Amino acid sequence: MSRRAARLLIAAVAIAHAAFFIAYQRPDWATEWTDQNGYLLLGRVLAETGRFSRFANTPQYVPEAIRTPVYPAFVALLDTLFGESHLAIAIAQGLLFAATCLVVHALALTIASDGVAAAAGLASALYPPLPYFAALVLTEVLTTFFVTAGLALWLRALARGSTPLAIAAGVVLAAAALTRPTFALLPLFLVGAALVATRGPRGTVWRISGVAVAAFAFVVAPWILYNAVFFKALTFSPAGGPGRQLFEGAWQVQFPGRLESELTSLADQVPDRAALDAQVREVAARSQRPAEPMLRYVHQHQDIARIWTTPTDPWQRMLARIAADREYWRVAVENIRRDPVRHFWRRAIRGTFLLWAAEIPVRYSDINRLAPWTIRAMWLPQAAVLGLAVWGVVVFVGRGARTAGYAMAALIAYVTAVHTPLYSEARYSLPAMPIVLLLATMGTAAIAKRTRARKLPPSQSHA
């Protein structure tokens, strides 16, 4: 298959896959994934008024305290071009998904054979969670594109010693951080990996690293300054900081996913404390678990949520969101101190599994109808893919592609290091999955080649 034919096939498969999930997800657009509402609102206000705010008509400008600006700007651009349309956003993200698969193919061509590169692009195009999220107004697919393209540019810049490519890599990685703040320190991990991978003089690595980091800093600086002016803090997201992540992560290792989801829904829907307690005790009896931790969780959830739901003034409500994140942190630390060894052990084990192998690409409204064995059957191949990806790193390094292998390993390590200690959802690892799939394809090809060699007579296997 020619490279052009491979690109056409990869793009066609990705677009068809995205179209399927647009049709499949559409019934849930207005009822599930409530984070979509915030992005739609920010995009609409930005398109109509030029304000990055949830409030279009307040006399005093009320800055956004939770979200970073790139994804709302993406939504605002599509609103301006096509009107406010979830379908238009889903189609645009479907095309971004296809573009990401083509970037994987292009990157793989620089470090693997044409066949492996085509297989890596197709693996990305056939990986269901990517088009699943492309159909939703969420940051996953845009972040995935930026991270994949940023890594590809970074590797190309190192290989060629190119200053323009280093600048491009820094700009694209900055766009990833301004879409998903958890990627704010990724460039430092990539620089460290490049320095470790390089044998001999490191002058070119230092130069490319300095240019890329400077370009990254130049792009993110206005946003940091914006937060410093309005919130008096050097931060990417004042109210979207680690407080709530630590709080939810502490409870995530206490309860099974369905149980925690049920308790959260009760805390949100039953404001009366006595009625809430009665329903939680029913849940505890049904699940044959102690009620005390469940009661503590729903009480904490309600009490902290009231911090920002009680104020009605927009400015005060914005400030309350920041205060709530600090309270999440304080309460989370208290919870962890009850049994710190158990907490950190379960975060390391369960948190890592949930991050890398627990995606369920089923319409959200249908997930709780799935039998446990069905969910585990979905988890198994994801765990296998990660294992093959680890082997793929070994293959790259063993074949002398140390810079590429170490950079890809650094991306996986970075995502794990950021999310596992706090809170894990499989979608948090999605921006790294095209690279994981590329590595897994490389690992699979190496295993297949070794298996074929073993089956051949000795004279042919050494030919």
Protein backbone atom coordinates (compact mmCIF):
# COMPACT_ATOMS: atom_id res chain seq x y z
CA MET A 1 0.00 0.00 0.00
CA SER A 2 1.37 3.42 -0.95
CA ARG A 3 1.70 6.11 1.69
CA ARG A 4 -0.98 8.19 -0.02
CA ALA A 5 -3.38 5.24 -0.03
CA ALA A 6 -2.61 4.61 3.64
CA ARG A 7 -3.41 8.23 4.51
CA LEU A 8 -6.69 8.10 2.61
CA LEU A 9 -7.68 4.85 4.31
CA ILE A 10 -6.80 6.15 7.79
CA ALA A 11 -8.76 9.38 7.23
CA ALA A 12 -11.78 7.53 5.82
CA VAL A 13 -11.91 5.07 8.73
CA ALA A 14 -11.53 7.86 11.28
CA ILE A 15 -14.27 10.00 9.73
CA ALA A 16 -16.65 7.04 9.46
CA HIS A 17 -15.93 6.14 13.09
CA ALA A 18 -16.57 9.73 14.19
CA ALA A 19 -19.85 9.82 12.22
CA PHE A 20 -21.01 6.65 13.97
CA PHE A 21 -20.40 8.12 17.41
CA ILE A 22 -22.10 11.40 16.50
CA ALA A 23 -25.25 9.44 15.72
CA TYR A 24 -24.79 7.16 18.73
CA GLN A 25 -24.10 9.93 21.27
CA ARG A 26 -26.71 12.39 20.05
CA PRO A 27 -29.52 11.24 22.41
CA ASP A 28 -27.31 12.14 25.39
CA TRP A 29 -26.21 15.57 24.20
CA ALA A 30 -28.73 17.54 26.23
CA THR A 31 -29.01 15.25 29.25
CA GLU A 32 -25.57 13.88 30.20
CA TRP A 33 -21.99 15.16 30.62
CA THR A 34 -23.00 18.42 32.30
CA ASP A 35 -19.49 19.86 31.77
CA GLN A 36 -20.64 20.49 28.22
CA ASN A 37 -22.99 23.22 29.43
CA GLY A 38 -20.14 25.32 30.81
CA TYR A 39 -18.15 25.15 27.59
CA LEU A 40 -21.20 25.94 25.46
CA LEU A 41 -21.98 28.94 27.67
CA LEU A 42 -18.41 30.25 27.64
CA GLY A 43 -18.22 29.84 23.87
CA ARG A 44 -21.52 31.64 23.33
CA VAL A 45 -20.61 34.58 25.58
CA LEU A 46 -17.16 34.85 24.02
CA ALA A 47 -18.62 34.82 20.50
CA GLU A 48 -21.32 37.39 21.31
CA THR A 49 -19.45 39.81 23.58
CA GLY A 50 -15.73 39.02 23.43
CA ARG A 51 -15.80 38.36 27.19
CA PHE A 52 -14.21 35.24 28.65
CA SER A 53 -16.92 34.97 31.27
CA ARG A 54 -20.07 33.06 32.09
CA PHE A 55 -21.90 36.38 32.46
CA ALA A 56 -22.60 38.36 29.32
CA ASN A 57 -24.39 41.43 30.69
CA THR A 58 -23.07 42.17 34.17
CA PRO A 59 -21.86 45.78 34.68
CA GLN A 60 -18.68 44.43 36.30
CA TYR A 61 -16.62 41.97 34.29
CA VAL A 62 -16.64 38.58 36.05
CA PRO A 63 -13.64 36.53 34.88
CA GLU A 64 -13.86 32.79 34.42
CA ALA A 65 -12.24 31.03 37.37
CA ILE A 66 -12.42 27.38 36.32
CA ARG A 67 -11.79 26.90 32.59
CA THR A 68 -8.78 27.83 30.51
CA PRO A 69 -9.38 29.80 27.31
CA VAL A 70 -8.42 27.73 24.26
CA TYR A 71 -11.32 25.29 24.12
CA PRO A 72 -13.99 27.99 24.74
CA ALA A 73 -12.30 30.02 21.98
CA PHE A 74 -12.55 26.96 19.69
CA VAL A 75 -16.27 26.68 20.50
CA ALA A 76 -16.73 30.44 20.00
CA LEU A 77 -15.08 30.26 16.57
CA LEU A 78 -17.45 27.50 15.47
CA ASP A 79 -20.41 29.44 16.92
CA THR A 80 -19.36 32.46 14.87
CA LEU A 81 -18.98 30.45 11.67
CA PHE A 82 -21.96 28.10 11.94
CA GLY A 83 -24.19 29.41 14.72
CA GLU A 84 -24.54 27.70 18.07
CA SER A 85 -24.61 24.05 17.03
CA HIS A 86 -23.54 20.96 18.91
CA LEU A 87 -23.54 19.11 15.59
CA ALA A 88 -21.08 21.58 14.04
CA ILE A 89 -18.74 21.17 17.02
CA ALA A 90 -18.97 17.37 16.81
CA ILE A 91 -18.21 17.40 13.07
CA ALA A 92 -15.24 19.73 13.58
CA GLN A 93 -13.92 17.47 16.34
CA GLY A 94 -14.44 14.43 14.12
CA LEU A 95 -12.16 16.07 11.56
CA LEU A 96 -9.64 16.86 14.32
CA PHE A 97 -9.75 13.19 15.30
CA ALA A 98 -8.94 12.21 11.70
CA ALA A 99 -6.12 14.77 11.63
CA THR A 100 -4.70 13.28 14.83
CA CYS A 101 -4.64 9.82 13.25
CA LEU A 102 -2.76 11.26 10.26
CA VAL A 103 -0.23 12.87 12.60
CA VAL A 104 0.31 9.44 14.20
CA HIS A 105 0.91 7.98 10.75
CA ALA A 106 3.36 10.76 9.83
CA LEU A 107 5.23 10.40 13.12
CA ALA A 108 5.42 6.62 12.79
CA LEU A 109 6.87 6.94 9.28
CA THR A 110 9.93 8.66 10.76
CA ILE A 111 10.69 5.81 13.16
CA ALA A 112 9.11 2.65 11.72
CA SER A 113 8.32 0.88 8.45
CA ASP A 114 5.48 1.95 6.16
CA GLY A 115 3.43 -1.06 7.24
CA VAL A 116 3.82 -0.35 10.94
CA ALA A 117 3.06 3.33 10.35
CA ALA A 118 -0.16 2.48 8.49
CA ALA A 119 -1.16 0.05 11.24
CA ALA A 120 -0.51 2.70 13.92
CA GLY A 121 -2.67 5.24 12.11
CA LEU A 122 -5.46 2.69 11.69
CA ALA A 123 -5.18 1.64 15.35
CA SER A 124 -5.82 5.25 16.35
CA ALA A 125 -8.69 5.55 13.87
CA LEU A 126 -10.31 2.39 15.26
CA TYR A 127 -9.84 3.21 18.96
CA PRO A 128 -13.45 3.89 20.12
CA PRO A 129 -12.90 6.35 23.03
CA LEU A 130 -11.39 8.96 20.70
CA PRO A 131 -14.47 9.39 18.44
CA TYR A 132 -16.68 8.81 21.49
CA PHE A 133 -15.44 12.09 22.98
CA ALA A 134 -15.27 13.79 19.60
CA ALA A 135 -19.07 13.77 19.64
CA LEU A 136 -19.18 15.70 22.95
CA VAL A 137 -18.45 19.36 23.72
CA LEU A 138 -15.46 18.52 25.89
CA THR A 139 -11.74 19.23 25.70
CA GLU A 140 -10.52 15.67 25.10
CA VAL A 141 -10.14 15.60 21.32
CA LEU A 142 -8.66 19.09 20.94
CA THR A 143 -6.16 18.34 23.70
CA THR A 144 -5.32 15.01 22.08
CA PHE A 145 -4.58 16.73 18.78
CA PHE A 146 -2.33 19.33 20.41
CA VAL A 147 -0.42 16.79 22.51
CA THR A 148 0.11 14.41 19.59
CA ALA A 149 1.11 17.17 17.17
CA GLY A 150 3.30 18.83 19.81
CA LEU A 151 5.20 15.61 20.47
CA ALA A 152 5.63 14.99 16.72
CA LEU A 153 7.00 18.52 16.21
CA TRP A 154 9.29 18.15 19.21
CA LEU A 155 10.81 14.92 17.88
CA ARG A 156 11.17 16.41 14.40
CA ALA A 157 12.85 19.51 15.86
CA LEU A 158 15.36 17.36 17.76
CA ALA A 159 16.07 15.17 14.73
CA ARG A 160 16.71 18.13 12.45
CA GLY A 161 18.09 20.60 14.97
CA SER A 162 15.45 23.01 13.66
CA THR A 163 14.71 26.24 15.52
CA PRO A 164 11.41 26.92 13.64
CA LEU A 165 10.16 23.41 14.49
CA ALA A 166 11.18 23.92 18.13
CA ILE A 167 9.15 27.14 18.22
CA ALA A 168 6.18 25.33 16.66
CA ALA A 169 6.47 22.53 19.22
CA GLY A 170 6.49 25.03 22.10
CA VAL A 171 3.47 26.88 20.72
CA VAL A 172 1.43 23.69 20.18
CA LEU A 173 2.31 22.30 23.62
CA ALA A 174 1.28 25.66 25.11
CA ALA A 175 -2.07 25.34 23.33
CA ALA A 176 -2.44 21.90 24.94
CA ALA A 177 -1.76 23.40 28.40
CA LEU A 178 -4.22 26.23 27.77
CA THR A 179 -6.82 23.64 26.80
CA ARG A 180 -6.08 21.20 29.64
CA PRO A 181 -3.96 22.75 32.42
CA THR A 182 -2.65 19.37 33.55
CA PHE A 183 -0.22 19.52 30.61
CA ALA A 184 1.46 22.68 31.88
CA LEU A 185 4.69 20.88 32.87
CA LEU A 186 4.88 18.39 29.98
CA PRO A 187 7.65 20.32 28.14
CA LEU A 188 9.95 19.88 31.13
CA PHE A 189 9.42 16.10 31.06
CA LEU A 190 10.18 16.04 27.33
CA VAL A 191 13.35 18.07 27.83
CA GLY A 192 14.46 15.73 30.61
CA ALA A 193 13.79 12.68 28.43
CA ALA A 194 15.78 14.16 25.55
CA LEU A 195 18.75 14.90 27.78
CA VAL A 196 18.72 11.38 29.22
CA ALA A 197 18.39 9.82 25.76
CA THR A 198 21.26 11.78 24.22
CA ARG A 199 24.69 10.20 24.24
CA GLY A 200 27.59 12.50 23.68
CA PRO A 201 27.40 16.30 23.31
CA ARG A 202 24.04 17.80 24.24
CA GLY A 203 24.49 21.24 22.72
CA THR A 204 21.74 20.79 20.13
CA VAL A 205 19.33 19.36 22.70
CA TRP A 206 19.92 22.31 25.02
CA ARG A 207 19.38 24.78 22.18
CA ILE A 208 16.19 23.15 20.91
CA SER A 209 14.92 22.78 24.48
CA GLY A 210 15.58 26.42 25.30
CA VAL A 211 13.78 27.61 22.17
CA ALA A 212 10.76 25.32 22.72
CA VAL A 213 10.41 26.22 26.41
CA ALA A 214 10.76 29.93 25.60
CA ALA A 215 8.04 29.68 22.94
CA PHE A 216 5.83 27.79 25.42
CA ALA A 217 6.37 30.44 28.10
CA PHE A 218 5.70 33.28 25.66
CA VAL A 219 2.32 31.81 24.71
CA VAL A 220 1.12 31.01 28.24
CA ALA A 221 2.44 34.23 29.84
CA PRO A 222 -0.61 36.41 28.98
CA TRP A 223 -2.91 33.87 30.60
CA ILE A 224 -0.76 33.66 33.73
CA LEU A 225 -0.73 37.47 33.86
CA TYR A 226 -4.53 37.52 33.44
CA ASN A 227 -4.91 35.29 36.49
CA ALA A 228 -2.37 37.30 38.46
CA VAL A 229 -4.31 40.51 37.77
CA PHE A 230 -7.80 39.18 38.49
CA PHE A 231 -7.10 36.49 41.10
CA LYS A 232 -3.78 37.59 42.61
CA ALA A 233 -2.29 34.15 41.96
CA LEU A 234 0.19 32.59 39.54
CA THR A 235 -2.03 29.77 38.36
CA PHE A 236 -3.58 28.24 35.26
CA SER A 237 -7.02 27.72 36.81
CA PRO A 238 -7.80 29.39 40.18
CA ALA A 239 -10.93 27.39 41.02
CA GLY A 240 -10.04 24.33 38.97
CA GLY A 241 -6.99 23.52 41.02
CA PRO A 242 -6.03 20.30 42.81
CA GLY A 243 -8.41 20.72 45.74
CA ARG A 244 -11.44 19.02 44.24
CA GLN A 245 -9.27 16.47 42.44
CA LEU A 246 -7.67 15.45 45.75
CA PHE A 247 -11.06 15.32 47.48
CA GLU A 248 -12.66 13.15 44.79
CA GLY A 249 -9.54 11.00 44.54
CA ALA A 250 -9.60 10.29 48.27
CA TRP A 251 -13.15 8.98 47.99
CA GLN A 252 -12.59 7.27 44.65
CA VAL A 253 -10.46 4.62 46.36
CA GLN A 254 -13.12 4.08 49.04
CA PHE A 255 -16.14 3.19 46.92
CA PRO A 256 -16.81 1.28 43.69
CA GLY A 257 -17.58 3.59 40.77
CA ARG A 258 -21.31 2.91 40.60
CA LEU A 259 -21.73 3.34 44.34
CA GLU A 260 -19.87 6.65 44.37
CA SER A 261 -21.95 7.86 41.41
CA GLU A 262 -25.16 6.96 43.23
CA LEU A 263 -24.06 8.72 46.41
CA THR A 264 -23.05 11.83 44.46
CA SER A 265 -26.45 11.94 42.76
CA LEU A 266 -28.20 11.66 46.11
CA ALA A 267 -26.09 14.47 47.57
CA ASP A 268 -26.98 16.69 44.60
CA GLN A 269 -30.67 15.83 44.45
CA VAL A 270 -31.74 15.51 48.12
CA PRO A 271 -31.08 18.78 49.98
CA ASP A 272 -32.88 17.74 53.17
CA ARG A 273 -30.23 16.20 55.42
CA ALA A 274 -32.58 13.81 57.26
CA ALA A 275 -34.07 12.49 54.02
CA LEU A 276 -30.59 12.20 52.53
CA ASP A 277 -29.30 10.21 55.51
CA ALA A 278 -32.23 7.81 55.30
CA GLN A 279 -31.62 7.12 51.61
CA VAL A 280 -27.87 6.70 52.15
CA ARG A 281 -28.53 4.13 54.89
CA GLU A 282 -30.74 2.23 52.43
CA VAL A 283 -27.89 2.23 49.94
CA ALA A 284 -25.50 0.99 52.62
CA ALA A 285 -27.83 -1.85 53.59
CA ARG A 286 -28.35 -2.85 49.96
CA SER A 287 -24.63 -2.82 49.20
CA GLN A 288 -23.72 -4.46 52.53
CA ARG A 289 -21.22 -1.74 53.35
CA PRO A 290 -20.88 0.49 56.44
CA ALA A 291 -23.02 3.61 56.30
CA GLU A 292 -20.66 5.94 58.19
CA PRO A 293 -18.19 6.60 55.34
CA MET A 294 -21.07 7.09 52.92
CA LEU A 295 -22.74 9.61 55.21
CA ARG A 296 -19.47 11.45 55.68
CA TYR A 297 -18.97 11.66 51.92
CA VAL A 298 -22.43 13.02 51.08
CA HIS A 299 -22.29 15.51 53.94
CA GLN A 300 -18.91 16.82 52.82
CA HIS A 301 -20.06 16.96 49.21
CA GLN A 302 -23.16 18.97 50.12
CA ASP A 303 -21.40 21.32 52.53
CA ILE A 304 -18.68 22.29 50.08
CA ALA A 305 -21.07 22.62 47.14
CA ARG A 306 -23.14 25.11 49.15
CA ILE A 307 -20.13 27.39 49.40
CA TRP A 308 -20.52 28.39 45.74
CA THR A 309 -24.21 27.62 45.13
CA THR A 310 -25.41 29.92 47.93
CA PRO A 311 -24.12 33.30 46.58
CA THR A 312 -26.32 34.88 43.92
CA ASP A 313 -24.09 37.82 42.99
CA PRO A 314 -21.91 36.74 40.01
CA TRP A 315 -18.70 38.21 41.40
CA GLN A 316 -19.21 36.65 44.82
CA ARG A 317 -20.13 33.34 43.23
CA MET A 318 -16.88 33.38 41.26
CA LEU A 319 -14.87 34.06 44.41
CA ALA A 320 -16.78 31.33 46.20
CA ARG A 321 -15.66 28.77 43.61
CA ILE A 322 -12.05 29.56 44.50
CA ALA A 323 -12.83 29.30 48.22
CA ALA A 324 -14.55 25.97 47.62
CA ASP A 325 -11.46 24.51 45.96
CA ARG A 326 -9.42 25.44 49.01
CA GLU A 327 -12.00 23.81 51.25
CA TYR A 328 -11.91 20.67 49.09
CA TRP A 329 -8.16 20.52 49.70
CA ARG A 330 -8.49 20.99 53.47
CA VAL A 331 -11.18 18.33 53.84
CA ALA A 332 -9.34 15.92 51.52
CA VAL A 333 -6.18 16.15 53.63
CA GLU A 334 -8.24 15.38 56.75
CA ASN A 335 -9.77 12.36 55.04
CA ILE A 336 -6.41 11.03 53.88
CA ARG A 337 -4.92 11.36 57.37
CA ARG A 338 -7.41 8.78 58.63
CA ASP A 339 -5.44 6.05 56.83
CA PRO A 340 -2.64 7.50 54.67
CA VAL A 341 -0.90 4.19 53.88
CA ARG A 342 -4.09 2.63 52.54
CA HIS A 343 -4.92 5.79 50.59
CA PHE A 344 -1.57 6.05 48.78
CA TRP A 345 -1.43 2.32 48.09
CA ARG A 346 -4.91 2.28 46.56
CA ARG A 347 -4.27 5.45 44.58
CA ALA A 348 -1.14 3.83 43.12
CA ILE A 349 -2.94 0.60 42.20
CA ARG A 350 -6.56 1.45 41.53
CA GLY A 351 -5.86 5.00 40.41
CA THR A 352 -3.37 3.85 37.77
CA PHE A 353 -5.75 1.17 36.48
CA LEU A 354 -8.67 3.60 36.24
CA LEU A 355 -6.47 6.05 34.37
CA TRP A 356 -5.17 3.69 31.69
CA ALA A 357 -7.51 0.72 31.33
CA ALA A 358 -11.04 1.66 32.42
CA GLU A 359 -12.56 3.45 29.42
CA ILE A 360 -16.15 2.42 28.64
CA PRO A 361 -17.12 3.77 25.21
CA VAL A 362 -20.82 3.24 25.82
CA ARG A 363 -23.42 6.01 25.85
CA TYR A 364 -23.39 7.42 29.40
CA SER A 365 -27.10 6.89 29.91
CA ASP A 366 -26.63 3.16 29.22
CA ILE A 367 -23.47 2.43 31.24
CA ASN A 368 -25.25 1.38 34.45
CA ARG A 369 -27.24 -1.20 32.50
CA LEU A 370 -24.10 -3.09 31.55
CA ALA A 371 -23.29 -6.34 33.29
CA PRO A 372 -20.02 -6.34 35.26
CA TRP A 373 -18.51 -8.98 32.97
CA THR A 374 -19.18 -6.75 29.96
CA ILE A 375 -17.27 -3.89 31.55
CA ARG A 376 -14.36 -6.16 32.46
CA ALA A 377 -14.29 -7.46 28.90
CA MET A 378 -13.81 -3.84 27.76
CA TRP A 379 -11.04 -3.28 30.29
CA LEU A 380 -8.95 -6.31 29.32
CA PRO A 381 -7.85 -5.17 25.83
CA GLN A 382 -7.01 -1.72 27.20
CA ALA A 383 -4.68 -3.28 29.75
CA ALA A 384 -3.14 -5.36 26.96
CA VAL A 385 -2.59 -2.25 24.83
CA LEU A 386 -0.73 -0.54 27.67
CA GLY A 387 1.44 -3.62 28.18
CA LEU A 388 2.25 -3.73 24.47
CA ALA A 389 3.06 -0.01 24.58
CA VAL A 390 5.62 -0.58 27.34
CA TRP A 391 7.19 -3.27 25.16
CA GLY A 392 7.10 -0.82 22.26
CA VAL A 393 9.28 1.58 24.25
CA VAL A 394 11.77 -1.24 24.81
CA VAL A 395 11.75 -2.00 21.08
CA PHE A 396 12.38 1.63 20.13
CA VAL A 397 15.26 1.99 22.55
CA GLY A 398 16.70 -1.38 21.53
CA ARG A 399 16.74 -0.33 17.89
CA GLY A 400 18.58 2.87 18.65
CA ALA A 401 15.57 5.24 18.53
CA ARG A 402 16.29 6.38 22.08
CA THR A 403 15.05 9.94 21.68
CA ALA A 404 11.64 8.86 20.35
CA GLY A 405 11.28 6.00 22.83
CA TYR A 406 12.20 8.12 25.83
CA ALA A 407 9.94 11.00 24.73
CA MET A 408 6.93 8.71 24.37
CA ALA A 409 7.70 7.04 27.68
CA ALA A 410 7.97 10.51 29.26
CA LEU A 411 4.46 11.36 28.04
CA ILE A 412 3.02 8.21 29.63
CA ALA A 413 4.97 8.81 32.85
CA TYR A 414 3.86 12.43 32.96
CA VAL A 415 0.14 11.66 32.61
CA THR A 416 0.46 8.97 35.28
CA ALA A 417 2.38 11.23 37.67
CA VAL A 418 -0.13 14.08 37.33
CA HIS A 419 -3.37 12.13 37.72
CA THR A 420 -2.69 9.02 39.79
CA PRO A 421 -1.99 10.84 43.09
CA LEU A 422 -5.13 12.99 42.79
CA TYR A 423 -8.04 11.57 40.80
CA SER A 424 -8.25 9.25 37.82
CA GLU A 425 -10.64 8.93 34.94
CA ALA A 426 -9.80 7.04 31.77
CA ARG A 427 -10.51 10.12 29.67
CA TYR A 428 -7.65 11.94 31.42
CA SER A 429 -5.19 9.63 29.66
CA LEU A 430 -6.91 10.04 26.28
CA PRO A 431 -4.53 12.78 25.01
CA ALA A 432 -1.67 10.28 25.31
CA MET A 433 -3.52 7.36 23.73
CA PRO A 434 -2.51 7.94 20.07
CA ILE A 435 1.12 7.68 21.19
CA VAL A 436 0.30 4.65 23.35
CA LEU A 437 -1.37 3.02 20.33
CA LEU A 438 1.67 3.79 18.17
CA LEU A 439 3.93 2.15 20.75
CA ALA A 440 1.57 -0.82 21.08
CA THR A 441 1.59 -1.27 17.31
CA MET A 442 5.38 -1.24 17.34
CA GLY A 443 5.44 -3.76 20.17
CA THR A 444 2.96 -6.02 18.40
CA ALA A 445 4.96 -5.88 15.16
CA ALA A 446 8.14 -6.83 17.02
CA ILE A 447 6.42 -9.79 18.71
CA ALA A 448 4.94 -10.93 15.38
CA LYS A 449 8.34 -10.71 13.70
CA ARG A 450 9.98 -12.72 16.45
CA THR A 451 7.21 -15.34 16.30
CA ARG A 452 7.61 -15.73 12.54
CA ALA A 453 11.37 -16.05 12.92
CA ARG A 454 10.95 -18.90 15.40
CA LYS A 455 8.71 -20.81 12.99
CA LEU A 456 11.20 -20.61 10.12
CA PRO A 457 14.00 -23.15 9.64
CA PRO A 458 17.33 -21.88 11.06
CA SER A 459 18.76 -21.23 7.59
CA GLN A 460 15.81 -18.96 6.65
CA SER A 461 15.48 -17.19 10.00
CA HIS A 462 19.05 -15.91 9.67
CA ALA A 463 18.74 -15.05 6.00
